[in-house]
Amino acid sequence: MKTIKVFTIIFSLAVLFTACQDVIDIDLDSIEPKLVIDGVITDSVVVKISKSTDYFEPGIYPPVSNAIVTVTDNSGNLFQLEEISPGIYSENHMGVEGNGYTLDVEINNEIYTGSVEMPHKVTIDSISIEPTPDYMEFSGGYIVNCHLQDSADVENYYRLKVSKLNETDPENVLCVFDDAFVDGNEISMQWDNNQFFEQDTVVVELQTLAKSTYEYYRTLSSIFESGMIGNANPANPITNLSNGALGYFGAYTVSRDTIIILP
């Protein structure tokens, strides 16, 4: 059995200033906003469209409305997404494993496209818990283990989400990994965290990702870990979108399970 352990590591940087300081003036030019498309097909299709912003306006991502958003599968079936709120387009269409899908977004006579293939699902075999060892930094809680059987001779890409039931921010725990060194093996994904205690209902979601979707999440994660996230950051995650758009059009299947932590 292969066990992959995921730890949260927090780096702190102390900056020391001497008594003598030089004042350096740096000219920072404004950056032309770019289109950002975040689209995914799972058991439905959701596409979020916004604009990137300037270095001097962090945290502001204006939604883009009135776009024409369509998805076509490799059999030629086309369906148009409805704008359900500003900049968010959706359609209750379930992706089919092995099918290819192409996203087309038309805005002001400009067309942006991205293609992806829906991967085959790998399901969760079981989930389990164990007390966090006393020697670990986060002791007193419980470790959550997700057990699965990786498909042999198939390149699989995964994203794991672990959260409490009805949690307001279910995106708080996740990791991305592949089966390069565990192909065809039983895998245990182990999350060591102090947030899970007795009586908690823990929801585990295993996403089997398309390769391009994995590359996007992997490079996005690397940027976060390096501390380089920012609107003016020149290093953008790998995208499968055309015409200079940022973001991605992804696909993944979902397997979920829950467990209640009892003494």
C-alpha atoms as a PDB file:
ATOM      1  CA  MET A   1       0.000   0.000   0.000  1.00  0.00           C
ATOM      2  CA  LYS A   2       1.291   3.433  -0.909  1.00  0.00           C
ATOM      3  CA  THR A   3       0.618   6.296   1.506  1.00  0.00           C
ATOM      4  CA  ILE A   4       0.851   9.901   0.456  1.00  0.00           C
ATOM      5  CA  LYS A   5       1.075  12.364   3.331  1.00  0.00           C
ATOM      6  CA  VAL A   6       0.129  15.984   2.883  1.00  0.00           C
ATOM      7  CA  PHE A   7       1.361  18.514   5.392  1.00  0.00           C
ATOM      8  CA  THR A   8       0.613  22.188   5.712  1.00  0.00           C
ATOM      9  CA  ILE A   9       3.859  24.108   5.957  1.00  0.00           C
ATOM     10  CA  ILE A  10       3.886  27.759   6.861  1.00  0.00           C
ATOM     11  CA  PHE A  11       6.962  29.747   6.019  1.00  0.00           C
ATOM     12  CA  SER A  12       7.629  33.071   7.717  1.00  0.00           C
ATOM     13  CA  LEU A  13      10.111  35.600   6.381  1.00  0.00           C
ATOM     14  CA  ALA A  14      11.765  38.123   8.679  1.00  0.00           C
ATOM     15  CA  VAL A  15      13.028  41.246   6.926  1.00  0.00           C
ATOM     16  CA  LEU A  16      15.709  43.176   8.808  1.00  0.00           C
ATOM     17  CA  PHE A  17      16.305  46.844   8.129  1.00  0.00           C
ATOM     18  CA  THR A  18      19.534  48.665   8.990  1.00  0.00           C
ATOM     19  CA  ALA A  19      19.683  52.241  10.187  1.00  0.00           C
ATOM     20  CA  CYS A  20      20.760  53.455   6.756  1.00  0.00           C
ATOM     21  CA  GLN A  21      18.134  53.104   4.063  1.00  0.00           C
ATOM     22  CA  ASP A  22      18.161  54.130   0.412  1.00  0.00           C
ATOM     23  CA  VAL A  23      14.973  55.271  -1.254  1.00  0.00           C
ATOM     24  CA  ILE A  24      14.465  53.572  -4.625  1.00  0.00           C
ATOM     25  CA  ASP A  25      11.790  54.771  -7.020  1.00  0.00           C
ATOM     26  CA  ILE A  26      10.292  52.092  -9.270  1.00  0.00           C
ATOM     27  CA  ASP A  27       7.927  52.891 -12.102  1.00  0.00           C
ATOM     28  CA  LEU A  28       5.095  50.365 -12.182  1.00  0.00           C
ATOM     29  CA  ASP A  29       3.067  50.545 -15.359  1.00  0.00           C
ATOM     30  CA  SER A  30      -0.623  49.693 -15.388  1.00  0.00           C
ATOM     31  CA  ILE A  31      -1.498  46.351 -16.941  1.00  0.00           C
ATOM     32  CA  GLU A  32      -4.222  45.980 -19.518  1.00  0.00           C
ATOM     33  CA  PRO A  33      -6.985  43.780 -18.055  1.00  0.00           C
ATOM     34  CA  LYS A  34      -7.285  40.312 -19.573  1.00  0.00           C
ATOM     35  CA  LEU A  35     -10.236  38.005 -19.892  1.00  0.00           C
ATOM     36  CA  VAL A  36     -10.337  35.263 -17.258  1.00  0.00           C
ATOM     37  CA  ILE A  37     -12.428  32.165 -18.020  1.00  0.00           C
ATOM     38  CA  ASP A  38     -12.835  29.487 -15.352  1.00  0.00           C
ATOM     39  CA  GLY A  39     -14.945  26.669 -16.783  1.00  0.00           C
ATOM     40  CA  VAL A  40     -15.476  23.076 -15.729  1.00  0.00           C
ATOM     41  CA  ILE A  41     -17.695  20.188 -16.777  1.00  0.00           C
ATOM     42  CA  THR A  42     -18.598  17.500 -14.230  1.00  0.00           C
ATOM     43  CA  ASP A  43     -22.218  16.587 -13.485  1.00  0.00           C
ATOM     44  CA  SER A  44     -23.059  20.054 -14.837  1.00  0.00           C
ATOM     45  CA  VAL A  45     -21.248  22.835 -16.698  1.00  0.00           C
ATOM     46  CA  VAL A  46     -20.280  26.071 -14.953  1.00  0.00           C
ATOM     47  CA  VAL A  47     -18.263  28.860 -16.576  1.00  0.00           C
ATOM     48  CA  LYS A  48     -17.208  32.002 -14.708  1.00  0.00           C
ATOM     49  CA  ILE A  49     -16.020  34.941 -16.800  1.00  0.00           C
ATOM     50  CA  SER A  50     -14.304  38.008 -15.383  1.00  0.00           C
ATOM     51  CA  LYS A  51     -11.527  40.491 -16.093  1.00  0.00           C
ATOM     52  CA  SER A  52      -8.100  40.530 -14.482  1.00  0.00           C
ATOM     53  CA  THR A  53      -7.153  43.781 -12.810  1.00  0.00           C
ATOM     54  CA  ASP A  54      -4.243  46.117 -12.329  1.00  0.00           C
ATOM     55  CA  TYR A  55      -1.526  45.769  -9.683  1.00  0.00           C
ATOM     56  CA  PHE A  56      -3.032  48.832  -8.016  1.00  0.00           C
ATOM     57  CA  GLU A  57      -6.523  47.281  -7.745  1.00  0.00           C
ATOM     58  CA  PRO A  58      -5.969  43.894  -6.079  1.00  0.00           C
ATOM     59  CA  GLY A  59      -8.924  41.651  -5.243  1.00  0.00           C
ATOM     60  CA  ILE A  60     -11.285  43.238  -7.786  1.00  0.00           C
ATOM     61  CA  TYR A  61     -12.411  40.931 -10.599  1.00  0.00           C
ATOM     62  CA  PRO A  62     -15.236  42.537 -12.587  1.00  0.00           C
ATOM     63  CA  PRO A  63     -17.684  39.937 -13.959  1.00  0.00           C
ATOM     64  CA  VAL A  64     -18.295  39.832 -17.702  1.00  0.00           C
ATOM     65  CA  SER A  65     -21.947  39.604 -18.729  1.00  0.00           C
ATOM     66  CA  ASN A  66     -23.749  39.058 -22.020  1.00  0.00           C
ATOM     67  CA  ALA A  67     -21.229  36.570 -23.385  1.00  0.00           C
ATOM     68  CA  ILE A  68     -22.354  33.791 -25.742  1.00  0.00           C
ATOM     69  CA  VAL A  69     -21.139  30.587 -24.100  1.00  0.00           C
ATOM     70  CA  THR A  70     -21.573  27.183 -25.772  1.00  0.00           C
ATOM     71  CA  VAL A  71     -20.197  23.679 -25.259  1.00  0.00           C
ATOM     72  CA  THR A  72     -20.003  21.082 -28.042  1.00  0.00           C
ATOM     73  CA  ASP A  73     -19.214  17.381 -27.531  1.00  0.00           C
ATOM     74  CA  ASN A  74     -17.328  15.156 -29.967  1.00  0.00           C
ATOM     75  CA  SER A  75     -20.607  13.866 -31.402  1.00  0.00           C
ATOM     76  CA  GLY A  76     -21.557  17.356 -32.545  1.00  0.00           C
ATOM     77  CA  ASN A  77     -24.165  18.016 -29.844  1.00  0.00           C
ATOM     78  CA  LEU A  78     -24.205  21.690 -28.893  1.00  0.00           C
ATOM     79  CA  PHE A  79     -25.780  23.331 -25.853  1.00  0.00           C
ATOM     80  CA  GLN A  80     -25.758  26.973 -24.818  1.00  0.00           C
ATOM     81  CA  LEU A  81     -25.173  28.081 -21.243  1.00  0.00           C
ATOM     82  CA  GLU A  82     -27.464  30.518 -19.469  1.00  0.00           C
ATOM     83  CA  GLU A  83     -26.148  33.456 -17.461  1.00  0.00           C
ATOM     84  CA  ILE A  84     -27.566  32.708 -13.995  1.00  0.00           C
ATOM     85  CA  SER A  85     -25.840  35.659 -12.285  1.00  0.00           C
ATOM     86  CA  PRO A  86     -23.377  38.337 -13.451  1.00  0.00           C
ATOM     87  CA  GLY A  87     -20.462  36.579 -15.122  1.00  0.00           C
ATOM     88  CA  ILE A  88     -21.609  33.046 -14.194  1.00  0.00           C
ATOM     89  CA  TYR A  89     -22.966  30.773 -16.921  1.00  0.00           C
ATOM     90  CA  SER A  90     -24.384  27.310 -16.312  1.00  0.00           C
ATOM     91  CA  GLU A  91     -26.157  24.352 -17.892  1.00  0.00           C
ATOM     92  CA  ASN A  92     -27.398  21.170 -16.239  1.00  0.00           C
ATOM     93  CA  HIS A  93     -25.533  18.850 -18.597  1.00  0.00           C
ATOM     94  CA  MET A  94     -23.587  15.891 -17.232  1.00  0.00           C
ATOM     95  CA  GLY A  95     -20.233  15.068 -18.762  1.00  0.00           C
ATOM     96  CA  VAL A  96     -19.773  11.555 -20.133  1.00  0.00           C
ATOM     97  CA  GLU A  97     -16.572   9.643 -19.400  1.00  0.00           C
ATOM     98  CA  GLY A  98     -14.349   9.434 -22.476  1.00  0.00           C
ATOM     99  CA  ASN A  99     -16.183  12.184 -24.374  1.00  0.00           C
ATOM    100  CA  GLY A 100     -14.408  15.274 -25.649  1.00  0.00           C
ATOM    101  CA  TYR A 101     -15.853  18.760 -25.096  1.00  0.00           C
ATOM    102  CA  THR A 102     -15.088  22.157 -26.617  1.00  0.00           C
ATOM    103  CA  LEU A 103     -15.966  25.440 -24.947  1.00  0.00           C
ATOM    104  CA  ASP A 104     -16.597  28.543 -27.077  1.00  0.00           C
ATOM    105  CA  VAL A 105     -16.944  31.974 -25.491  1.00  0.00           C
ATOM    106  CA  GLU A 106     -17.834  34.941 -27.703  1.00  0.00           C
ATOM    107  CA  ILE A 107     -17.413  38.451 -26.322  1.00  0.00           C
ATOM    108  CA  ASN A 108     -17.438  41.597 -28.451  1.00  0.00           C
ATOM    109  CA  ASN A 109     -16.907  39.548 -31.613  1.00  0.00           C
ATOM    110  CA  GLU A 110     -13.835  37.851 -30.103  1.00  0.00           C
ATOM    111  CA  ILE A 111     -13.954  34.066 -29.679  1.00  0.00           C
ATOM    112  CA  TYR A 112     -12.083  32.099 -27.031  1.00  0.00           C
ATOM    113  CA  THR A 113     -11.980  28.309 -27.126  1.00  0.00           C
ATOM    114  CA  GLY A 114     -10.756  25.419 -25.008  1.00  0.00           C
ATOM    115  CA  SER A 115     -11.049  21.646 -25.345  1.00  0.00           C
ATOM    116  CA  VAL A 116     -10.901  18.821 -22.814  1.00  0.00           C
ATOM    117  CA  GLU A 117     -11.708  15.110 -22.511  1.00  0.00           C
ATOM    118  CA  MET A 118     -13.747  13.778 -19.596  1.00  0.00           C
ATOM    119  CA  PRO A 119     -11.610  11.225 -17.704  1.00  0.00           C
ATOM    120  CA  HIS A 120     -12.804   7.857 -16.425  1.00  0.00           C
ATOM    121  CA  LYS A 121     -13.833   7.853 -12.782  1.00  0.00           C
ATOM    122  CA  VAL A 122     -11.777   6.346  -9.995  1.00  0.00           C
ATOM    123  CA  THR A 123     -13.968   5.796  -6.951  1.00  0.00           C
ATOM    124  CA  ILE A 124     -13.237   6.005  -3.243  1.00  0.00           C
ATOM    125  CA  ASP A 125     -13.004   2.511  -1.748  1.00  0.00           C
ATOM    126  CA  SER A 126     -13.367   3.711   1.838  1.00  0.00           C
ATOM    127  CA  ILE A 127     -12.374   6.435   4.270  1.00  0.00           C
ATOM    128  CA  SER A 128     -11.059   5.976   7.781  1.00  0.00           C
ATOM    129  CA  ILE A 129      -9.823   7.989  10.756  1.00  0.00           C
ATOM    130  CA  GLU A 130      -7.096   7.614  13.342  1.00  0.00           C
ATOM    131  CA  PRO A 131      -5.956   9.806  16.229  1.00  0.00           C
ATOM    132  CA  THR A 132      -3.264  12.309  15.365  1.00  0.00           C
ATOM    133  CA  PRO A 133       0.026  11.157  16.959  1.00  0.00           C
ATOM    134  CA  ASP A 134       1.221  13.262  19.898  1.00  0.00           C
ATOM    135  CA  TYR A 135       4.550  14.010  18.209  1.00  0.00           C
ATOM    136  CA  MET A 136       2.851  15.901  15.380  1.00  0.00           C
ATOM    137  CA  GLU A 137       2.315  19.639  15.486  1.00  0.00           C
ATOM    138  CA  PHE A 138      -1.445  19.247  15.172  1.00  0.00           C
ATOM    139  CA  SER A 139      -2.223  16.792  17.957  1.00  0.00           C
ATOM    140  CA  GLY A 140      -5.505  16.131  19.744  1.00  0.00           C
ATOM    141  CA  GLY A 141      -7.571  15.736  16.595  1.00  0.00           C
ATOM    142  CA  TYR A 142      -7.955  13.040  13.963  1.00  0.00           C
ATOM    143  CA  ILE A 143      -6.285  12.051  10.709  1.00  0.00           C
ATOM    144  CA  VAL A 144      -8.608  11.373   7.777  1.00  0.00           C
ATOM    145  CA  ASN A 145      -7.545   8.684   5.295  1.00  0.00           C
ATOM    146  CA  CYS A 146      -8.985   8.282   1.803  1.00  0.00           C
ATOM    147  CA  HIS A 147      -8.420   4.807   0.305  1.00  0.00           C
ATOM    148  CA  LEU A 148      -8.658   4.121  -3.423  1.00  0.00           C
ATOM    149  CA  GLN A 149      -7.477   1.633  -6.031  1.00  0.00           C
ATOM    150  CA  ASP A 150      -5.573   3.279  -8.854  1.00  0.00           C
ATOM    151  CA  SER A 151      -6.239   1.942 -12.353  1.00  0.00           C
ATOM    152  CA  ALA A 152      -3.267   0.050 -13.772  1.00  0.00           C
ATOM    153  CA  ASP A 153      -1.587   1.197 -17.009  1.00  0.00           C
ATOM    154  CA  VAL A 154      -3.633   4.403 -17.058  1.00  0.00           C
ATOM    155  CA  GLU A 155      -2.307   7.871 -16.277  1.00  0.00           C
ATOM    156  CA  ASN A 156      -4.574   9.192 -13.553  1.00  0.00           C
ATOM    157  CA  TYR A 157      -4.662  12.660 -12.068  1.00  0.00           C
ATOM    158  CA  TYR A 158      -6.434  13.453  -8.822  1.00  0.00           C
ATOM    159  CA  ARG A 159      -7.625  16.332  -6.686  1.00  0.00           C
ATOM    160  CA  LEU A 160      -8.728  15.677  -3.112  1.00  0.00           C
ATOM    161  CA  LYS A 161     -11.063  17.879  -1.089  1.00  0.00           C
ATOM    162  CA  VAL A 162     -11.737  17.245   2.591  1.00  0.00           C
ATOM    163  CA  SER A 163     -14.152  19.354   4.616  1.00  0.00           C
ATOM    164  CA  LYS A 164     -16.712  19.306   7.380  1.00  0.00           C
ATOM    165  CA  LEU A 165     -20.360  18.839   6.436  1.00  0.00           C
ATOM    166  CA  ASN A 166     -22.154  22.160   5.887  1.00  0.00           C
ATOM    167  CA  GLU A 167     -18.885  24.055   6.185  1.00  0.00           C
ATOM    168  CA  THR A 168     -19.166  27.581   4.828  1.00  0.00           C
ATOM    169  CA  ASP A 169     -15.804  27.318   3.047  1.00  0.00           C
ATOM    170  CA  PRO A 170     -15.541  23.772   1.643  1.00  0.00           C
ATOM    171  CA  GLU A 171     -12.498  24.678  -0.468  1.00  0.00           C
ATOM    172  CA  ASN A 172     -10.238  25.016   2.575  1.00  0.00           C
ATOM    173  CA  VAL A 173      -8.538  21.616   2.289  1.00  0.00           C
ATOM    174  CA  LEU A 174      -7.337  20.180  -1.009  1.00  0.00           C
ATOM    175  CA  CYS A 175      -4.336  18.732  -2.775  1.00  0.00           C
ATOM    176  CA  VAL A 176      -3.455  17.681  -6.322  1.00  0.00           C
ATOM    177  CA  PHE A 177      -1.414  14.599  -7.235  1.00  0.00           C
ATOM    178  CA  ASP A 178      -0.819  12.011  -9.959  1.00  0.00           C
ATOM    179  CA  ASP A 179      -0.133   8.263 -10.024  1.00  0.00           C
ATOM    180  CA  ALA A 180       3.336   8.443 -11.580  1.00  0.00           C
ATOM    181  CA  PHE A 181       4.914   6.424  -8.742  1.00  0.00           C
ATOM    182  CA  VAL A 182       1.848   4.472  -7.580  1.00  0.00           C
ATOM    183  CA  ASP A 183       0.315   3.269 -10.856  1.00  0.00           C
ATOM    184  CA  GLY A 184      -2.023   0.344 -10.311  1.00  0.00           C
ATOM    185  CA  ASN A 185      -1.552   0.349  -6.529  1.00  0.00           C
ATOM    186  CA  GLU A 186      -3.870   0.809  -3.619  1.00  0.00           C
ATOM    187  CA  ILE A 187      -3.398   4.399  -2.455  1.00  0.00           C
ATOM    188  CA  SER A 188      -4.108   5.992   0.901  1.00  0.00           C
ATOM    189  CA  MET A 189      -4.288   9.766   0.885  1.00  0.00           C
ATOM    190  CA  GLN A 190      -3.715  10.937   4.435  1.00  0.00           C
ATOM    191  CA  TRP A 191      -4.595  14.408   5.623  1.00  0.00           C
ATOM    192  CA  ASP A 192      -3.010  15.498   8.916  1.00  0.00           C
ATOM    193  CA  ASN A 193      -4.930  18.435  10.292  1.00  0.00           C
ATOM    194  CA  ASN A 194      -6.153  19.635  13.670  1.00  0.00           C
ATOM    195  CA  GLN A 195      -9.574  20.717  12.470  1.00  0.00           C
ATOM    196  CA  PHE A 196     -11.298  17.315  12.715  1.00  0.00           C
ATOM    197  CA  PHE A 197     -12.640  16.273  16.115  1.00  0.00           C
ATOM    198  CA  GLU A 198     -15.215  13.947  17.660  1.00  0.00           C
ATOM    199  CA  GLN A 199     -18.754  14.326  16.291  1.00  0.00           C
ATOM    200  CA  ASP A 200     -17.521  16.032  13.122  1.00  0.00           C
ATOM    201  CA  THR A 201     -19.035  14.737   9.878  1.00  0.00           C
ATOM    202  CA  VAL A 202     -16.231  14.768   7.331  1.00  0.00           C
ATOM    203  CA  VAL A 203     -16.913  14.874   3.585  1.00  0.00           C
ATOM    204  CA  VAL A 204     -14.210  13.501   1.280  1.00  0.00           C
ATOM    205  CA  GLU A 205     -14.407  14.259  -2.438  1.00  0.00           C
ATOM    206  CA  LEU A 206     -12.054  12.562  -4.895  1.00  0.00           C
ATOM    207  CA  GLN A 207     -11.904  14.213  -8.307  1.00  0.00           C
ATOM    208  CA  THR A 208     -10.359  12.333 -11.230  1.00  0.00           C
ATOM    209  CA  LEU A 209      -8.979  15.095 -13.440  1.00  0.00           C
ATOM    210  CA  ALA A 210      -8.317  15.493 -17.127  1.00  0.00           C
ATOM    211  CA  LYS A 211      -4.566  15.925 -17.670  1.00  0.00           C
ATOM    212  CA  SER A 212      -4.882  19.572 -18.757  1.00  0.00           C
ATOM    213  CA  THR A 213      -7.021  20.274 -15.686  1.00  0.00           C
ATOM    214  CA  TYR A 214      -4.365  18.697 -13.469  1.00  0.00           C
ATOM    215  CA  GLU A 215      -1.648  20.842 -15.081  1.00  0.00           C
ATOM    216  CA  TYR A 216      -3.671  23.975 -14.406  1.00  0.00           C
ATOM    217  CA  TYR A 217      -4.268  23.112 -10.730  1.00  0.00           C
ATOM    218  CA  ARG A 218      -0.663  21.942 -10.285  1.00  0.00           C
ATOM    219  CA  THR A 219       0.874  25.143 -11.622  1.00  0.00           C
ATOM    220  CA  LEU A 220      -1.670  27.255  -9.755  1.00  0.00           C
ATOM    221  CA  SER A 221      -0.720  25.454  -6.539  1.00  0.00           C
ATOM    222  CA  SER A 222       2.977  26.048  -7.237  1.00  0.00           C
ATOM    223  CA  ILE A 223       2.367  29.773  -7.622  1.00  0.00           C
ATOM    224  CA  PHE A 224       0.517  29.883  -4.290  1.00  0.00           C
ATOM    225  CA  GLU A 225       3.283  27.952  -2.534  1.00  0.00           C
ATOM    226  CA  SER A 226       5.974  30.235  -3.938  1.00  0.00           C
ATOM    227  CA  GLY A 227       4.140  33.295  -2.688  1.00  0.00           C
ATOM    228  CA  MET A 228       3.882  34.701  -6.197  1.00  0.00           C
ATOM    229  CA  ILE A 229       0.108  35.091  -6.361  1.00  0.00           C
ATOM    230  CA  GLY A 230      -0.903  38.560  -7.492  1.00  0.00           C
ATOM    231  CA  ASN A 231      -2.721  40.251 -10.310  1.00  0.00           C
ATOM    232  CA  ALA A 232       0.518  41.567 -11.785  1.00  0.00           C
ATOM    233  CA  ASN A 233       2.278  38.226 -11.528  1.00  0.00           C
ATOM    234  CA  PRO A 234       3.973  37.401 -14.854  1.00  0.00           C
ATOM    235  CA  ALA A 235       3.860  33.629 -14.125  1.00  0.00           C
ATOM    236  CA  ASN A 236       0.370  32.397 -14.961  1.00  0.00           C
ATOM    237  CA  PRO A 237      -0.920  28.830 -14.579  1.00  0.00           C
ATOM    238  CA  ILE A 238      -0.864  26.636 -17.680  1.00  0.00           C
ATOM    239  CA  THR A 239      -4.050  27.199 -19.674  1.00  0.00           C
ATOM    240  CA  ASN A 240      -5.812  25.349 -22.513  1.00  0.00           C
ATOM    241  CA  LEU A 241      -7.666  28.466 -23.682  1.00  0.00           C
ATOM    242  CA  SER A 242      -6.993  30.314 -26.920  1.00  0.00           C
ATOM    243  CA  ASN A 243      -6.683  33.974 -27.872  1.00  0.00           C
ATOM    244  CA  GLY A 244      -4.739  35.053 -24.786  1.00  0.00           C
ATOM    245  CA  ALA A 245      -7.439  34.300 -22.215  1.00  0.00           C
ATOM    246  CA  LEU A 246      -6.399  33.358 -18.696  1.00  0.00           C
ATOM    247  CA  GLY A 247      -7.958  30.472 -16.790  1.00  0.00           C
ATOM    248  CA  TYR A 248      -8.920  27.024 -18.047  1.00  0.00           C
ATOM    249  CA  PHE A 249     -11.676  24.756 -19.311  1.00  0.00           C
ATOM    250  CA  GLY A 250     -11.515  21.642 -17.190  1.00  0.00           C
ATOM    251  CA  ALA A 251     -13.226  18.308 -16.711  1.00  0.00           C
ATOM    252  CA  TYR A 252     -13.341  15.841 -13.849  1.00  0.00           C
ATOM    253  CA  THR A 253     -15.431  13.050 -12.411  1.00  0.00           C
ATOM    254  CA  VAL A 254     -16.416  13.035  -8.739  1.00  0.00           C
ATOM    255  CA  SER A 255     -16.550  10.316  -6.077  1.00  0.00           C
ATOM    256  CA  ARG A 256     -17.755  11.325  -2.579  1.00  0.00           C
ATOM    257  CA  ASP A 257     -17.993   9.650   0.795  1.00  0.00           C
ATOM    258  CA  THR A 258     -18.614  10.794   4.375  1.00  0.00           C
ATOM    259  CA  ILE A 259     -17.616   9.607   7.820  1.00  0.00           C
ATOM    260  CA  ILE A 260     -18.657  10.664  11.327  1.00  0.00           C
ATOM    261  CA  ILE A 261     -15.833  10.831  13.833  1.00  0.00           C
ATOM    262  CA  LEU A 262     -16.884   8.857  16.892  1.00  0.00           C
ATOM    263  CA  PRO A 263     -14.817   8.136  20.040  1.00  0.00           C
END
